[in-house]
Amino acid sequence: MLVSIVYMSRSAVPFDDHALAELLREARLRNEALGVSGLLVAKGGRFMQLLEGPAWSVDDRFGAIARDPRHGEVKSLVREEIARRRFDGWSMAYRSLDDRDVATEEGFSPFLSGTMDFAPEFDGTSAAWLLKWFRDRELTDR
């Protein structure tokens, strides 16, 4: 059984572009080993991530993230069974001050720049709506 989880969290430590690229490399290794794919969106010290894969793997990854001291205010938003993966090969999308600086990083996606959208079969789902909502909002600290 495949599932997907969408969650939000707030960074408990500063993350610059270098730290985000390192996070991508670490997450990619773990996720590939556990059969987890998805999309991580980082913006203004906040994260929204969709994890997908076998239920035990996704639940394991989400539990580890919830315990990670780098994350605060971890909130699960959507958990659903899925028939097939929607982000096979995707790991992270993030936007720096200049996307050209990070465009060569493996796993980079222009999703946050608004120049790409989701496949039609995923576009109408609640997970897609949440990810677009996150992308299109100016997020401010409390």
C-alpha atoms as a PDB file:
ATOM      1  CA  MET A   1       0.000   0.000   0.000  1.00  0.00           C
ATOM      2  CA  LEU A   2       1.328   3.446  -0.990  1.00  0.00           C
ATOM      3  CA  VAL A   3       0.504   6.526   1.068  1.00  0.00           C
ATOM      4  CA  SER A   4       1.343  10.195   0.993  1.00  0.00           C
ATOM      5  CA  ILE A   5       1.654  12.641   3.864  1.00  0.00           C
ATOM      6  CA  VAL A   6       1.756  16.424   3.576  1.00  0.00           C
ATOM      7  CA  TYR A   7       3.102  18.272   6.605  1.00  0.00           C
ATOM      8  CA  MET A   8       4.295  21.756   7.540  1.00  0.00           C
ATOM      9  CA  SER A   9       7.004  22.754   9.982  1.00  0.00           C
ATOM     10  CA  ARG A  10       9.073  25.743  11.031  1.00  0.00           C
ATOM     11  CA  SER A  11      12.839  25.736  11.109  1.00  0.00           C
ATOM     12  CA  ALA A  12      14.223  25.738  14.628  1.00  0.00           C
ATOM     13  CA  VAL A  13      17.689  26.668  13.295  1.00  0.00           C
ATOM     14  CA  PRO A  14      18.766  28.998  10.463  1.00  0.00           C
ATOM     15  CA  PHE A  15      18.835  27.429   6.988  1.00  0.00           C
ATOM     16  CA  ASP A  16      20.716  29.206   4.214  1.00  0.00           C
ATOM     17  CA  ASP A  17      21.021  27.887   0.647  1.00  0.00           C
ATOM     18  CA  HIS A  18      24.103  25.827   1.518  1.00  0.00           C
ATOM     19  CA  ALA A  19      22.331  24.182   4.460  1.00  0.00           C
ATOM     20  CA  LEU A  20      19.290  23.444   2.279  1.00  0.00           C
ATOM     21  CA  ALA A  21      21.462  21.850  -0.408  1.00  0.00           C
ATOM     22  CA  GLU A  22      23.109  19.683   2.273  1.00  0.00           C
ATOM     23  CA  LEU A  23      19.680  18.738   3.641  1.00  0.00           C
ATOM     24  CA  LEU A  24      18.672  17.702   0.108  1.00  0.00           C
ATOM     25  CA  ARG A  25      21.713  15.441  -0.263  1.00  0.00           C
ATOM     26  CA  GLU A  26      21.117  13.778   3.144  1.00  0.00           C
ATOM     27  CA  ALA A  27      17.390  13.331   2.563  1.00  0.00           C
ATOM     28  CA  ARG A  28      17.896  11.903  -0.920  1.00  0.00           C
ATOM     29  CA  LEU A  29      20.165   9.129   0.397  1.00  0.00           C
ATOM     30  CA  ARG A  30      17.769   8.165   3.207  1.00  0.00           C
ATOM     31  CA  ASN A  31      14.657   8.430   1.072  1.00  0.00           C
ATOM     32  CA  GLU A  32      16.089   6.348  -1.767  1.00  0.00           C
ATOM     33  CA  ALA A  33      17.125   3.640   0.708  1.00  0.00           C
ATOM     34  CA  LEU A  34      13.576   3.562   2.157  1.00  0.00           C
ATOM     35  CA  GLY A  35      11.706   3.890  -1.154  1.00  0.00           C
ATOM     36  CA  VAL A  36      10.311   7.349  -0.308  1.00  0.00           C
ATOM     37  CA  SER A  37       9.829  10.073  -2.904  1.00  0.00           C
ATOM     38  CA  GLY A  38       8.154  13.446  -2.752  1.00  0.00           C
ATOM     39  CA  LEU A  39       8.576  17.179  -2.717  1.00  0.00           C
ATOM     40  CA  LEU A  40      10.103  19.433  -0.060  1.00  0.00           C
ATOM     41  CA  VAL A  41       9.371  23.142  -0.337  1.00  0.00           C
ATOM     42  CA  ALA A  42      11.386  25.540   1.843  1.00  0.00           C
ATOM     43  CA  LYS A  43      10.454  29.199   2.126  1.00  0.00           C
ATOM     44  CA  GLY A  44      11.170  31.797   4.765  1.00  0.00           C
ATOM     45  CA  GLY A  45      12.223  29.334   7.446  1.00  0.00           C
ATOM     46  CA  ARG A  46       9.132  27.197   6.883  1.00  0.00           C
ATOM     47  CA  PHE A  47       8.823  23.826   5.237  1.00  0.00           C
ATOM     48  CA  MET A  48       5.999  21.979   3.540  1.00  0.00           C
ATOM     49  CA  GLN A  49       6.712  18.467   2.380  1.00  0.00           C
ATOM     50  CA  LEU A  50       4.822  15.723   0.613  1.00  0.00           C
ATOM     51  CA  LEU A  51       6.269  12.269   1.316  1.00  0.00           C
ATOM     52  CA  GLU A  52       5.049   9.237  -0.621  1.00  0.00           C
ATOM     53  CA  GLY A  53       5.876   5.550  -0.688  1.00  0.00           C
ATOM     54  CA  PRO A  54       5.147   2.383   1.277  1.00  0.00           C
ATOM     55  CA  ALA A  55       3.169   3.238   4.414  1.00  0.00           C
ATOM     56  CA  TRP A  56       5.805   1.952   6.846  1.00  0.00           C
ATOM     57  CA  SER A  57       8.555   4.010   5.128  1.00  0.00           C
ATOM     58  CA  VAL A  58       6.536   7.216   4.957  1.00  0.00           C
ATOM     59  CA  ASP A  59       5.420   6.887   8.575  1.00  0.00           C
ATOM     60  CA  ASP A  60       9.033   6.215   9.619  1.00  0.00           C
ATOM     61  CA  ARG A  61      10.321   9.313   7.779  1.00  0.00           C
ATOM     62  CA  PHE A  62       7.547  11.528   9.156  1.00  0.00           C
ATOM     63  CA  GLY A  63       8.224  10.286  12.692  1.00  0.00           C
ATOM     64  CA  ALA A  64      11.944  11.017  12.313  1.00  0.00           C
ATOM     65  CA  ILE A  65      11.192  14.523  11.020  1.00  0.00           C
ATOM     66  CA  ALA A  66       8.812  15.193  13.918  1.00  0.00           C
ATOM     67  CA  ARG A  67      11.612  14.223  16.366  1.00  0.00           C
ATOM     68  CA  ASP A  68      14.331  16.181  14.511  1.00  0.00           C
ATOM     69  CA  PRO A  69      15.413  19.167  16.649  1.00  0.00           C
ATOM     70  CA  ARG A  70      15.902  21.241  13.461  1.00  0.00           C
ATOM     71  CA  HIS A  71      12.092  21.191  12.980  1.00  0.00           C
ATOM     72  CA  GLY A  72       9.520  22.888  15.190  1.00  0.00           C
ATOM     73  CA  GLU A  73       5.741  23.119  14.983  1.00  0.00           C
ATOM     74  CA  VAL A  74       5.477  19.949  12.864  1.00  0.00           C
ATOM     75  CA  LYS A  75       1.856  19.525  11.745  1.00  0.00           C
ATOM     76  CA  SER A  76       0.490  16.698   9.593  1.00  0.00           C
ATOM     77  CA  LEU A  77      -2.046  18.182   7.144  1.00  0.00           C
ATOM     78  CA  VAL A  78      -3.036  15.304   4.822  1.00  0.00           C
ATOM     79  CA  ARG A  79      -2.435  11.544   4.915  1.00  0.00           C
ATOM     80  CA  GLU A  80      -3.990   9.497   2.142  1.00  0.00           C
ATOM     81  CA  GLU A  81      -3.636   6.229   0.292  1.00  0.00           C
ATOM     82  CA  ILE A  82      -2.499   6.652  -3.309  1.00  0.00           C
ATOM     83  CA  ALA A  83      -2.654   4.300  -6.272  1.00  0.00           C
ATOM     84  CA  ARG A  84       0.721   5.394  -7.686  1.00  0.00           C
ATOM     85  CA  ARG A  85       3.538   7.818  -6.992  1.00  0.00           C
ATOM     86  CA  ARG A  86       3.065  11.379  -8.179  1.00  0.00           C
ATOM     87  CA  PHE A  87       6.599  12.668  -7.508  1.00  0.00           C
ATOM     88  CA  ASP A  88       8.825   9.746  -8.386  1.00  0.00           C
ATOM     89  CA  GLY A  89      12.343  11.164  -8.495  1.00  0.00           C
ATOM     90  CA  TRP A  90      11.410  14.482  -6.828  1.00  0.00           C
ATOM     91  CA  SER A  91      13.126  15.364  -3.558  1.00  0.00           C
ATOM     92  CA  MET A  92      13.105  19.079  -2.949  1.00  0.00           C
ATOM     93  CA  ALA A  93      12.156  22.388  -4.452  1.00  0.00           C
ATOM     94  CA  TYR A  94      13.461  25.575  -2.996  1.00  0.00           C
ATOM     95  CA  ARG A  95      14.093  29.096  -4.079  1.00  0.00           C
ATOM     96  CA  SER A  96      17.167  31.112  -3.309  1.00  0.00           C
ATOM     97  CA  LEU A  97      17.774  34.762  -4.047  1.00  0.00           C
ATOM     98  CA  ASP A  98      18.968  33.614  -7.460  1.00  0.00           C
ATOM     99  CA  ASP A  99      17.570  30.288  -8.695  1.00  0.00           C
ATOM    100  CA  ARG A 100      20.421  29.994 -11.219  1.00  0.00           C
ATOM    101  CA  ASP A 101      22.790  29.376  -8.311  1.00  0.00           C
ATOM    102  CA  VAL A 102      20.987  26.218  -7.267  1.00  0.00           C
ATOM    103  CA  ALA A 103      19.502  25.039 -10.584  1.00  0.00           C
ATOM    104  CA  THR A 104      22.367  22.590 -11.056  1.00  0.00           C
ATOM    105  CA  GLU A 105      21.697  20.914  -7.678  1.00  0.00           C
ATOM    106  CA  GLU A 106      20.245  17.445  -8.154  1.00  0.00           C
ATOM    107  CA  GLY A 107      16.602  17.515  -7.134  1.00  0.00           C
ATOM    108  CA  PHE A 108      16.085  21.245  -7.649  1.00  0.00           C
ATOM    109  CA  SER A 109      12.712  22.190  -9.105  1.00  0.00           C
ATOM    110  CA  PRO A 110      11.422  25.579 -10.278  1.00  0.00           C
ATOM    111  CA  PHE A 111       8.059  24.934  -8.546  1.00  0.00           C
ATOM    112  CA  LEU A 112       8.395  27.914  -6.198  1.00  0.00           C
ATOM    113  CA  SER A 113       9.121  30.306  -9.041  1.00  0.00           C
ATOM    114  CA  GLY A 114       5.626  29.615 -10.411  1.00  0.00           C
ATOM    115  CA  THR A 115       6.983  28.575 -13.816  1.00  0.00           C
ATOM    116  CA  MET A 116       5.752  24.996 -13.547  1.00  0.00           C
ATOM    117  CA  ASP A 117       2.645  23.230 -12.369  1.00  0.00           C
ATOM    118  CA  PHE A 118       1.499  19.741 -11.477  1.00  0.00           C
ATOM    119  CA  ALA A 119       0.275  16.985 -13.776  1.00  0.00           C
ATOM    120  CA  PRO A 120      -3.511  17.208 -14.365  1.00  0.00           C
ATOM    121  CA  GLU A 121      -4.260  13.972 -12.470  1.00  0.00           C
ATOM    122  CA  PHE A 122      -2.642  15.424  -9.326  1.00  0.00           C
ATOM    123  CA  ASP A 123      -3.578  19.073  -9.768  1.00  0.00           C
ATOM    124  CA  GLY A 124      -7.098  18.808  -8.313  1.00  0.00           C
ATOM    125  CA  THR A 125      -6.100  17.029  -5.092  1.00  0.00           C
ATOM    126  CA  SER A 126      -6.002  18.536  -1.619  1.00  0.00           C
ATOM    127  CA  ALA A 127      -2.244  17.930  -1.457  1.00  0.00           C
ATOM    128  CA  ALA A 128      -1.714  19.957  -4.656  1.00  0.00           C
ATOM    129  CA  TRP A 129      -3.911  22.754  -3.287  1.00  0.00           C
ATOM    130  CA  LEU A 130      -1.859  22.903  -0.065  1.00  0.00           C
ATOM    131  CA  LEU A 131       1.453  23.001  -1.928  1.00  0.00           C
ATOM    132  CA  LYS A 132       0.221  25.813  -4.212  1.00  0.00           C
ATOM    133  CA  TRP A 133      -1.151  27.690  -1.202  1.00  0.00           C
ATOM    134  CA  PHE A 134       2.266  27.472   0.449  1.00  0.00           C
ATOM    135  CA  ARG A 135       4.030  28.614  -2.741  1.00  0.00           C
ATOM    136  CA  ASP A 136       1.758  31.605  -3.272  1.00  0.00           C
ATOM    137  CA  ARG A 137       1.751  33.032   0.284  1.00  0.00           C
ATOM    138  CA  GLU A 138       4.078  35.557   1.800  1.00  0.00           C
ATOM    139  CA  LEU A 139       5.031  33.802   5.022  1.00  0.00           C
ATOM    140  CA  THR A 140       5.951  36.046   7.911  1.00  0.00           C
ATOM    141  CA  ASP A 141       7.190  35.284  11.358  1.00  0.00           C
ATOM    142  CA  ARG A 142       4.593  35.474  14.075  1.00  0.00           C
END
